[in-house]
C-alpha atoms as a PDB file:
ATOM      1  CA  GLY A   1      45.415   5.218  32.338  1.00  0.00           C
ATOM      2  CA  GLY A   2      48.077   7.815  32.050  1.00  0.00           C
ATOM      3  CA  GLY A   3      49.022  10.970  30.245  1.00  0.00           C
ATOM      4  CA  THR A   4      51.336   9.532  27.600  1.00  0.00           C
ATOM      5  CA  THR A   5      50.400   8.750  24.020  1.00  0.00           C
ATOM      6  CA  PRO A   6      48.526   5.493  23.343  1.00  0.00           C
ATOM      7  CA  THR A   7      49.120   3.448  20.191  1.00  0.00           C
ATOM      8  CA  ILE A   8      46.666   2.587  17.438  1.00  0.00           C
ATOM      9  CA  SER A   9      46.366  -0.201  14.887  1.00  0.00           C
ATOM     10  CA  ALA A  10      44.031  -0.732  11.954  1.00  0.00           C
ATOM     11  CA  GLY A  11      41.580  -3.591  11.552  1.00  0.00           C
ATOM     12  CA  ALA A  12      39.640  -5.095   8.648  1.00  0.00           C
ATOM     13  CA  GLY A  13      36.875  -2.510   9.112  1.00  0.00           C
ATOM     14  CA  ALA A  14      39.339   0.095   7.773  1.00  0.00           C
ATOM     15  CA  GLY A  15      40.000  -1.954   4.626  1.00  0.00           C
ATOM     16  CA  THR A  16      43.276  -2.989   3.033  1.00  0.00           C
ATOM     17  CA  GLY A  17      46.043  -0.392   3.146  1.00  0.00           C
ATOM     18  CA  PRO A  18      44.337   2.242   5.310  1.00  0.00           C
ATOM     19  CA  THR A  19      46.059   5.232   6.885  1.00  0.00           C
ATOM     20  CA  ILE A  20      45.289   5.581  10.567  1.00  0.00           C
ATOM     21  CA  THR A  21      46.621   8.097  13.077  1.00  0.00           C
ATOM     22  CA  ILE A  22      46.069   9.174  16.646  1.00  0.00           C
ATOM     23  CA  THR A  23      46.886  12.809  17.502  1.00  0.00           C
ATOM     24  CA  LYS A  24      46.458  15.237  20.403  1.00  0.00           C
ATOM     25  CA  ALA A  25      46.276  11.994  22.350  1.00  0.00           C
ATOM     26  CA  THR A  26      46.627  10.753  25.895  1.00  0.00           C
ATOM     27  CA  ASP A  27      44.961   7.802  27.563  1.00  0.00           C
ATOM     28  CA  LEU A  28      42.154  10.219  28.484  1.00  0.00           C
ATOM     29  CA  SER A  29      41.330  11.783  25.105  1.00  0.00           C
ATOM     30  CA  GLY A  30      42.518  12.180  21.546  1.00  0.00           C
ATOM     31  CA  VAL A  31      41.703  12.443  17.874  1.00  0.00           C
ATOM     32  CA  ILE A  32      41.628   9.391  15.604  1.00  0.00           C
ATOM     33  CA  THR A  33      41.805   9.846  11.846  1.00  0.00           C
ATOM     34  CA  VAL A  34      41.098   6.899   9.554  1.00  0.00           C
ATOM     35  CA  THR A  35      41.452   7.041   5.791  1.00  0.00           C
ATOM     36  CA  THR A  36      39.994   3.762   4.643  1.00  0.00           C
ATOM     37  CA  GLY A  37      41.758   1.547   2.178  1.00  0.00           C
ATOM     38  CA  THR A  38      40.122  -0.787  -0.318  1.00  0.00           C
ATOM     39  CA  LEU A  39      37.273  -3.094   0.672  1.00  0.00           C
ATOM     40  CA  PRO A  40      36.539  -2.134   4.302  1.00  0.00           C
ATOM     41  CA  SER A  41      34.715  -4.970   6.096  1.00  0.00           C
ATOM     42  CA  LEU A  42      31.311  -4.586   7.714  1.00  0.00           C
ATOM     43  CA  GLY A  43      30.846  -5.432  11.392  1.00  0.00           C
ATOM     44  CA  ALA A  44      34.616  -5.449  11.906  1.00  0.00           C
ATOM     45  CA  THR A  45      37.190  -3.606  13.982  1.00  0.00           C
ATOM     46  CA  ILE A  46      38.208  -0.349  12.302  1.00  0.00           C
ATOM     47  CA  ALA A  47      40.870   0.603  14.849  1.00  0.00           C
ATOM     48  CA  THR A  48      42.166  -0.619  18.185  1.00  0.00           C
ATOM     49  CA  VAL A  49      43.666   1.854  20.648  1.00  0.00           C
ATOM     50  CA  THR A  50      46.087   0.490  23.232  1.00  0.00           C
ATOM     51  CA  PHE A  51      46.460   2.653  26.317  1.00  0.00           C
ATOM     52  CA  ALA A  52      49.960   3.743  27.335  1.00  0.00           C
ATOM     53  CA  ALA A  53      49.174   2.658  30.900  1.00  0.00           C
ATOM     54  CA  ALA A  54      46.584   0.102  31.942  1.00  0.00           C
ATOM     55  CA  TYR A  55      43.509   1.149  33.894  1.00  0.00           C
ATOM     56  CA  THR A  56      42.605  -0.764  37.076  1.00  0.00           C
ATOM     57  CA  THR A  57      39.140  -1.531  35.658  1.00  0.00           C
ATOM     58  CA  ALA A  58      37.868  -1.278  32.099  1.00  0.00           C
ATOM     59  CA  PRO A  59      36.983   2.382  31.461  1.00  0.00           C
ATOM     60  CA  LYS A  60      34.034   3.861  29.595  1.00  0.00           C
ATOM     61  CA  VAL A  61      34.946   5.353  26.217  1.00  0.00           C
ATOM     62  CA  ILE A  62      32.872   8.057  24.560  1.00  0.00           C
ATOM     63  CA  LEU A  63      33.304   8.586  20.815  1.00  0.00           C
ATOM     64  CA  TYR A  64      32.323  11.745  18.941  1.00  0.00           C
ATOM     65  CA  ASN A  65      32.243  12.343  15.209  1.00  0.00           C
ATOM     66  CA  SER A  66      34.751  15.099  14.434  1.00  0.00           C
ATOM     67  CA  GLY A  67      34.535  15.526  10.688  1.00  0.00           C
ATOM     68  CA  PRO A  68      31.939  15.742   7.927  1.00  0.00           C
ATOM     69  CA  ASN A  69      32.296  12.128   6.742  1.00  0.00           C
ATOM     70  CA  SER A  70      32.108  10.833  10.319  1.00  0.00           C
ATOM     71  CA  ALA A  71      29.115  13.039  11.069  1.00  0.00           C
ATOM     72  CA  ALA A  72      27.294  11.589   8.055  1.00  0.00           C
ATOM     73  CA  LEU A  73      27.437   8.053   9.498  1.00  0.00           C
ATOM     74  CA  SER A  74      24.051   6.875  10.739  1.00  0.00           C
ATOM     75  CA  GLY A  75      21.928   3.768  10.974  1.00  0.00           C
ATOM     76  CA  ALA A  76      23.707   0.776   9.444  1.00  0.00           C
ATOM     77  CA  THR A  77      26.876   2.773   8.760  1.00  0.00           C
ATOM     78  CA  MET A  78      27.199   4.069  12.349  1.00  0.00           C
ATOM     79  CA  VAL A  79      30.407   3.034  14.110  1.00  0.00           C
ATOM     80  CA  TYR A  80      30.543   2.198  17.812  1.00  0.00           C
ATOM     81  CA  ILE A  81      32.641   1.187  20.805  1.00  0.00           C
ATOM     82  CA  SER A  82      31.356  -1.875  22.644  1.00  0.00           C
ATOM     83  CA  ASP A  83      31.675  -1.833  26.436  1.00  0.00           C
ATOM     84  CA  ALA A  84      31.959  -5.622  26.295  1.00  0.00           C
ATOM     85  CA  ASN A  85      35.093  -5.348  24.135  1.00  0.00           C
ATOM     86  CA  THR A  86      36.744  -2.538  26.124  1.00  0.00           C
ATOM     87  CA  THR A  87      39.449  -3.815  28.455  1.00  0.00           C
ATOM     88  CA  THR A  88      41.844  -2.266  30.945  1.00  0.00           C
ATOM     89  CA  THR A  89      44.369  -1.907  28.096  1.00  0.00           C
ATOM     90  CA  THR A  90      42.393  -1.387  24.859  1.00  0.00           C
ATOM     91  CA  PHE A  91      39.253  -0.178  23.154  1.00  0.00           C
ATOM     92  CA  ALA A  92      38.129  -0.738  19.581  1.00  0.00           C
ATOM     93  CA  ILE A  93      36.006   1.176  17.097  1.00  0.00           C
ATOM     94  CA  THR A  94      33.755  -1.217  15.161  1.00  0.00           C
ATOM     95  CA  SER A  95      31.915  -0.727  11.882  1.00  0.00           C
ATOM     96  CA  GLY A  96      28.178  -1.244  11.606  1.00  0.00           C
ATOM     97  CA  THR A  97      26.252  -3.632   9.370  1.00  0.00           C
ATOM     98  CA  THR A  98      27.258  -1.553   6.343  1.00  0.00           C
ATOM     99  CA  ALA A  99      30.978  -1.105   5.665  1.00  0.00           C
ATOM    100  CA  LEU A 100      32.669   2.291   5.572  1.00  0.00           C
ATOM    101  CA  THR A 101      33.264   3.835   2.140  1.00  0.00           C
ATOM    102  CA  PRO A 102      36.694   3.038   0.616  1.00  0.00           C
ATOM    103  CA  ALA A 103      39.288   5.836   0.264  1.00  0.00           C
ATOM    104  CA  THR A 104      37.395   8.137   2.628  1.00  0.00           C
ATOM    105  CA  THR A 105      38.673  10.041   5.675  1.00  0.00           C
ATOM    106  CA  TYR A 106      36.794   9.733   8.969  1.00  0.00           C
ATOM    107  CA  THR A 107      37.764  11.671  12.102  1.00  0.00           C
ATOM    108  CA  PHE A 108      36.695  10.851  15.651  1.00  0.00           C
ATOM    109  CA  THR A 109      37.418  12.334  19.073  1.00  0.00           C
ATOM    110  CA  TYR A 110      37.417  10.021  22.079  1.00  0.00           C
ATOM    111  CA  PHE A 111      37.146  10.639  25.826  1.00  0.00           C
ATOM    112  CA  VAL A 112      37.864   8.035  28.487  1.00  0.00           C
ATOM    113  CA  THR A 113      36.377   7.989  31.983  1.00  0.00           C
ATOM    114  CA  GLN A 114      36.267   5.561  34.885  1.00  0.00           C
END
């Protein structure tokens, strides 16, 4: 992992037509903002981050809620990062067993460690 900006792409967990950004970002930390579109899917990838430089082994990724809508997620609506789906080049944020609310902004801060 390096110090340049990673890229991000939306998944079905963010719905159709979401807005998704990654700011203040390096491969080590950053802020992800997701404004969901229509019909976000449950149990689906919300966003996939692709590191600017690959790690030698899959890193651990820690995700923090950084805004009021994100902080309100709990139980079935909680989002997560699965270690099993984190690779040397990507990690994904996945929705829980209840989908995110459409047309709502969620903000997360991530930290990456080896």
